[in-house]
Amino acid sequence: MSKSEHDQIAESLAKKFKTEYRKHKGIDIVTDNRVIEVETTKGGIYQGINQVKRSPKVRYIAVNDRNVQNALDATKGTGIGVDESGKIIKRARRNKKK
C-alpha cells in the first residue's frame, strides 16, 4: 500500500529538518524553533491552523500544490506561514506586542 500524500509531505519535511514525523501525536513536525502541520484538504487547513496557533514557536501550515491559495486565504492576518511541500510560500511572523 502506498503512503498518503499527507504522510509523504510530512516525512519529507521531517527529513529536511532532521526530526521525526509525529504521526497521530498532535502537530506533525516539531523542531526547536518551529512547528509545521501538514494538511492536504481544504477543510483540514482550518483544523491545522487551530493546532498551531497557540504555539510560541514559528508556525507553518504545509499544503499540497492545489491548496496553496486556500491556505494563503485562511492564514491571512494570523502570522502563520504557508509551505508548499518544503517550499515556503508565505513566511511566518509574530505580531508585535503592544
N, C-alpha and C. Protein backbone atom coordinates (compact mmCIF):
# COMPACT_ATOMS: atom_id res chain seq x y z
N MET A 1 0.84 -1.18 0.00
CA MET A 1 0.00 0.00 0.00
C MET A 1 0.89 1.24 0.00
N SER A 2 0.56 2.18 -0.85
CA SER A 2 1.38 3.39 -0.93
C SER A 2 0.99 4.36 0.17
N LYS A 3 1.91 5.25 0.48
CA LYS A 3 1.70 6.24 1.54
C LYS A 3 0.78 7.34 1.03
N SER A 4 0.03 7.92 1.96
CA SER A 4 -0.85 9.03 1.60
C SER A 4 -0.01 10.26 1.26
N GLU A 5 -0.63 11.19 0.55
CA GLU A 5 0.05 12.44 0.21
C GLU A 5 0.48 13.17 1.49
N HIS A 6 -0.38 13.16 2.50
CA HIS A 6 -0.07 13.79 3.79
C HIS A 6 1.20 13.20 4.38
N ASP A 7 1.27 11.86 4.44
CA ASP A 7 2.44 11.20 5.01
C ASP A 7 3.70 11.47 4.19
N GLN A 8 3.58 11.51 2.88
CA GLN A 8 4.74 11.79 2.03
C GLN A 8 5.30 13.18 2.30
N ILE A 9 4.42 14.18 2.39
CA ILE A 9 4.85 15.55 2.67
C ILE A 9 5.48 15.63 4.06
N ALA A 10 4.81 15.05 5.05
CA ALA A 10 5.30 15.10 6.43
C ALA A 10 6.66 14.42 6.57
N GLU A 11 6.83 13.28 5.95
CA GLU A 11 8.11 12.57 6.04
C GLU A 11 9.22 13.34 5.34
N SER A 12 8.90 13.97 4.23
CA SER A 12 9.88 14.79 3.51
C SER A 12 10.33 15.98 4.37
N LEU A 13 9.38 16.64 5.00
CA LEU A 13 9.71 17.78 5.87
C LEU A 13 10.50 17.33 7.10
N ALA A 14 10.13 16.21 7.67
CA ALA A 14 10.86 15.69 8.83
C ALA A 14 12.31 15.40 8.47
N LYS A 15 12.52 14.84 7.30
CA LYS A 15 13.88 14.57 6.83
C LYS A 15 14.64 15.88 6.62
N LYS A 16 13.99 16.85 6.00
CA LYS A 16 14.61 18.15 5.73
C LYS A 16 15.06 18.84 7.02
N PHE A 17 14.23 18.77 8.07
CA PHE A 17 14.54 19.44 9.33
C PHE A 17 15.19 18.52 10.35
N LYS A 18 15.56 17.33 9.91
CA LYS A 18 16.28 16.36 10.76
C LYS A 18 15.54 16.11 12.08
N THR A 19 14.26 15.80 11.95
CA THR A 19 13.42 15.49 13.10
C THR A 19 12.50 14.35 12.71
N GLU A 20 11.60 13.99 13.59
CA GLU A 20 10.69 12.90 13.28
C GLU A 20 9.29 13.43 12.95
N TYR A 21 8.59 12.67 12.16
CA TYR A 21 7.19 12.94 11.84
C TYR A 21 6.38 12.33 12.96
N ARG A 22 5.67 13.16 13.68
CA ARG A 22 4.90 12.72 14.85
C ARG A 22 3.49 12.33 14.43
N LYS A 23 3.40 11.22 13.72
CA LYS A 23 2.12 10.73 13.23
C LYS A 23 1.21 10.39 14.41
N HIS A 24 0.00 10.90 14.39
CA HIS A 24 -1.01 10.64 15.42
C HIS A 24 -0.65 11.24 16.78
N LYS A 25 0.22 12.24 16.83
CA LYS A 25 0.61 12.84 18.12
C LYS A 25 0.56 14.36 18.04
N GLY A 26 -0.56 14.94 17.69
CA GLY A 26 -0.68 16.40 17.64
C GLY A 26 -0.05 16.98 16.39
N ILE A 27 0.73 18.01 16.56
CA ILE A 27 1.36 18.71 15.43
C ILE A 27 2.35 17.76 14.76
N ASP A 28 2.32 17.73 13.43
CA ASP A 28 3.09 16.75 12.65
C ASP A 28 4.61 16.88 12.80
N ILE A 29 5.13 18.09 12.68
CA ILE A 29 6.58 18.33 12.72
C ILE A 29 6.87 19.38 13.79
N VAL A 30 7.74 19.03 14.73
CA VAL A 30 8.12 19.96 15.80
C VAL A 30 9.64 19.98 15.88
N THR A 31 10.22 21.18 15.72
CA THR A 31 11.67 21.35 15.87
C THR A 31 11.90 22.29 17.06
N ASP A 32 13.14 22.63 17.30
CA ASP A 32 13.46 23.54 18.40
C ASP A 32 12.81 24.91 18.24
N ASN A 33 12.64 25.35 16.99
CA ASN A 33 12.14 26.72 16.80
C ASN A 33 10.91 26.85 15.90
N ARG A 34 10.35 25.72 15.41
CA ARG A 34 9.18 25.83 14.55
C ARG A 34 8.27 24.62 14.69
N VAL A 35 6.99 24.84 14.33
CA VAL A 35 6.02 23.76 14.24
C VAL A 35 5.40 23.80 12.85
N ILE A 36 5.13 22.62 12.30
CA ILE A 36 4.55 22.52 10.97
C ILE A 36 3.42 21.49 11.01
N GLU A 37 2.25 21.90 10.62
CA GLU A 37 1.12 20.99 10.49
C GLU A 37 0.87 20.78 9.00
N VAL A 38 0.78 19.54 8.58
CA VAL A 38 0.57 19.20 7.18
C VAL A 38 -0.92 18.99 6.95
N GLU A 39 -1.45 19.64 5.93
CA GLU A 39 -2.86 19.47 5.55
C GLU A 39 -2.95 19.33 4.03
N THR A 40 -3.75 18.37 3.59
CA THR A 40 -3.88 18.13 2.15
C THR A 40 -5.30 18.31 1.65
N THR A 41 -6.20 18.79 2.53
CA THR A 41 -7.56 19.08 2.10
C THR A 41 -7.92 20.51 2.54
N LYS A 42 -8.82 21.12 1.79
CA LYS A 42 -9.24 22.49 2.11
C LYS A 42 -9.83 22.56 3.51
N GLY A 43 -10.68 21.61 3.87
CA GLY A 43 -11.30 21.59 5.19
C GLY A 43 -10.30 21.38 6.31
N GLY A 44 -9.24 20.66 6.05
CA GLY A 44 -8.22 20.39 7.06
C GLY A 44 -7.37 21.60 7.39
N ILE A 45 -7.33 22.58 6.52
CA ILE A 45 -6.49 23.76 6.75
C ILE A 45 -6.89 24.48 8.03
N TYR A 46 -8.18 24.65 8.25
CA TYR A 46 -8.65 25.35 9.46
C TYR A 46 -8.35 24.54 10.72
N GLN A 47 -8.45 23.23 10.64
CA GLN A 47 -8.10 22.38 11.76
C GLN A 47 -6.61 22.51 12.06
N GLY A 48 -5.79 22.57 11.01
CA GLY A 48 -4.35 22.74 11.17
C GLY A 48 -3.99 24.07 11.79
N ILE A 49 -4.68 25.12 11.39
CA ILE A 49 -4.46 26.44 11.97
C ILE A 49 -4.75 26.40 13.47
N ASN A 50 -5.85 25.77 13.85
CA ASN A 50 -6.19 25.66 15.28
C ASN A 50 -5.13 24.89 16.06
N GLN A 51 -4.49 23.91 15.43
CA GLN A 51 -3.45 23.15 16.12
C GLN A 51 -2.21 23.98 16.38
N VAL A 52 -1.80 24.81 15.43
CA VAL A 52 -0.53 25.53 15.57
C VAL A 52 -0.66 26.92 16.16
N LYS A 53 -1.85 27.49 16.20
CA LYS A 53 -1.98 28.91 16.52
C LYS A 53 -1.52 29.28 17.93
N ARG A 54 -1.55 28.37 18.87
CA ARG A 54 -1.13 28.72 20.24
C ARG A 54 0.35 28.44 20.51
N SER A 55 1.04 27.90 19.55
CA SER A 55 2.45 27.58 19.76
C SER A 55 3.29 28.85 19.85
N PRO A 56 4.24 28.88 20.79
CA PRO A 56 5.14 30.04 20.89
C PRO A 56 6.23 30.00 19.82
N LYS A 57 6.33 28.91 19.09
CA LYS A 57 7.35 28.77 18.05
C LYS A 57 6.85 29.35 16.73
N VAL A 58 7.72 29.44 15.75
CA VAL A 58 7.35 29.87 14.41
C VAL A 58 6.39 28.82 13.86
N ARG A 59 5.26 29.25 13.30
CA ARG A 59 4.19 28.34 12.92
C ARG A 59 3.97 28.30 11.41
N TYR A 60 3.83 27.08 10.89
CA TYR A 60 3.59 26.89 9.46
C TYR A 60 2.50 25.85 9.22
N ILE A 61 1.78 26.03 8.12
CA ILE A 61 0.88 25.04 7.57
C ILE A 61 1.52 24.61 6.25
N ALA A 62 1.78 23.32 6.10
CA ALA A 62 2.33 22.79 4.86
C ALA A 62 1.19 22.17 4.07
N VAL A 63 1.09 22.53 2.81
CA VAL A 63 -0.01 22.05 1.97
C VAL A 63 0.52 21.52 0.64
N ASN A 64 -0.35 20.79 -0.04
CA ASN A 64 -0.03 20.35 -1.39
C ASN A 64 -0.30 21.51 -2.36
N ASP A 65 0.12 21.35 -3.60
CA ASP A 65 0.04 22.47 -4.56
C ASP A 65 -1.38 22.95 -4.82
N ARG A 66 -2.37 22.08 -4.78
CA ARG A 66 -3.73 22.53 -5.09
C ARG A 66 -4.40 23.28 -3.93
N ASN A 67 -3.78 23.33 -2.76
CA ASN A 67 -4.36 24.04 -1.62
C ASN A 67 -3.56 25.26 -1.19
N VAL A 68 -2.61 25.68 -1.99
CA VAL A 68 -1.80 26.84 -1.63
C VAL A 68 -2.67 28.08 -1.45
N GLN A 69 -3.53 28.38 -2.42
CA GLN A 69 -4.35 29.59 -2.33
C GLN A 69 -5.32 29.50 -1.16
N ASN A 70 -5.89 28.31 -0.94
CA ASN A 70 -6.79 28.13 0.21
C ASN A 70 -6.06 28.42 1.52
N ALA A 71 -4.83 27.95 1.63
CA ALA A 71 -4.03 28.17 2.84
C ALA A 71 -3.67 29.64 2.99
N LEU A 72 -3.31 30.28 1.90
CA LEU A 72 -2.98 31.71 1.96
C LEU A 72 -4.19 32.52 2.43
N ASP A 73 -5.36 32.20 1.89
CA ASP A 73 -6.58 32.90 2.30
C ASP A 73 -6.89 32.65 3.77
N ALA A 74 -6.77 31.41 4.21
CA ALA A 74 -7.12 31.02 5.58
C ALA A 74 -6.16 31.60 6.62
N THR A 75 -4.90 31.79 6.25
CA THR A 75 -3.90 32.26 7.21
C THR A 75 -3.70 33.77 7.19
N LYS A 76 -4.41 34.46 6.33
CA LYS A 76 -4.27 35.91 6.23
C LYS A 76 -4.50 36.58 7.58
N GLY A 77 -3.53 37.34 8.04
CA GLY A 77 -3.63 38.07 9.29
C GLY A 77 -3.35 37.25 10.54
N THR A 78 -2.97 35.98 10.39
CA THR A 78 -2.75 35.12 11.55
C THR A 78 -1.29 35.05 11.98
N GLY A 79 -0.38 35.39 11.09
CA GLY A 79 1.04 35.22 11.39
C GLY A 79 1.54 33.83 11.10
N ILE A 80 0.65 32.95 10.65
CA ILE A 80 1.03 31.58 10.32
C ILE A 80 1.52 31.53 8.88
N GLY A 81 2.68 30.92 8.67
CA GLY A 81 3.25 30.83 7.34
C GLY A 81 2.68 29.66 6.55
N VAL A 82 2.89 29.70 5.24
CA VAL A 82 2.42 28.64 4.35
C VAL A 82 3.60 28.05 3.63
N ASP A 83 3.65 26.74 3.61
CA ASP A 83 4.74 25.99 3.00
C ASP A 83 4.12 25.00 2.00
N GLU A 84 4.64 25.00 0.79
CA GLU A 84 4.16 24.03 -0.20
C GLU A 84 5.18 22.92 -0.32
N SER A 85 4.96 21.86 0.39
CA SER A 85 5.82 20.66 0.33
C SER A 85 7.30 20.99 0.43
N GLY A 86 7.68 21.84 1.34
CA GLY A 86 9.08 22.16 1.56
C GLY A 86 9.53 23.48 0.99
N LYS A 87 8.66 24.18 0.27
CA LYS A 87 8.99 25.48 -0.31
C LYS A 87 8.11 26.53 0.36
N ILE A 88 8.73 27.47 1.07
CA ILE A 88 7.96 28.48 1.80
C ILE A 88 7.31 29.44 0.80
N ILE A 89 5.99 29.54 0.90
CA ILE A 89 5.21 30.44 0.04
C ILE A 89 4.94 31.75 0.77
N LYS A 90 4.66 31.65 2.08
CA LYS A 90 4.42 32.83 2.92
C LYS A 90 5.16 32.63 4.22
N ARG A 91 6.05 33.53 4.56
CA ARG A 91 6.83 33.42 5.80
C ARG A 91 5.94 33.63 7.02
N ALA A 92 6.25 32.91 8.06
CA ALA A 92 5.54 33.08 9.33
C ALA A 92 6.08 34.35 10.00
N ARG A 93 5.24 34.97 10.78
CA ARG A 93 5.64 36.16 11.53
C ARG A 93 4.88 36.17 12.83
N ARG A 94 5.36 36.93 13.76
CA ARG A 94 4.70 37.12 15.04
C ARG A 94 4.25 38.54 15.13
N ASN A 95 3.04 38.74 15.66
CA ASN A 95 2.56 40.10 15.89
C ASN A 95 3.37 40.72 17.01
N LYS A 96 3.73 41.98 16.86
CA LYS A 96 4.48 42.68 17.91
C LYS A 96 3.53 42.99 19.05
N LYS A 97 3.99 42.72 20.26
CA LYS A 97 3.16 43.02 21.42
C LYS A 97 3.19 44.51 21.71
N LYS A 98 2.05 45.03 22.08
CA LYS A 98 1.93 46.48 22.34
C LYS A 98 2.17 46.77 23.79
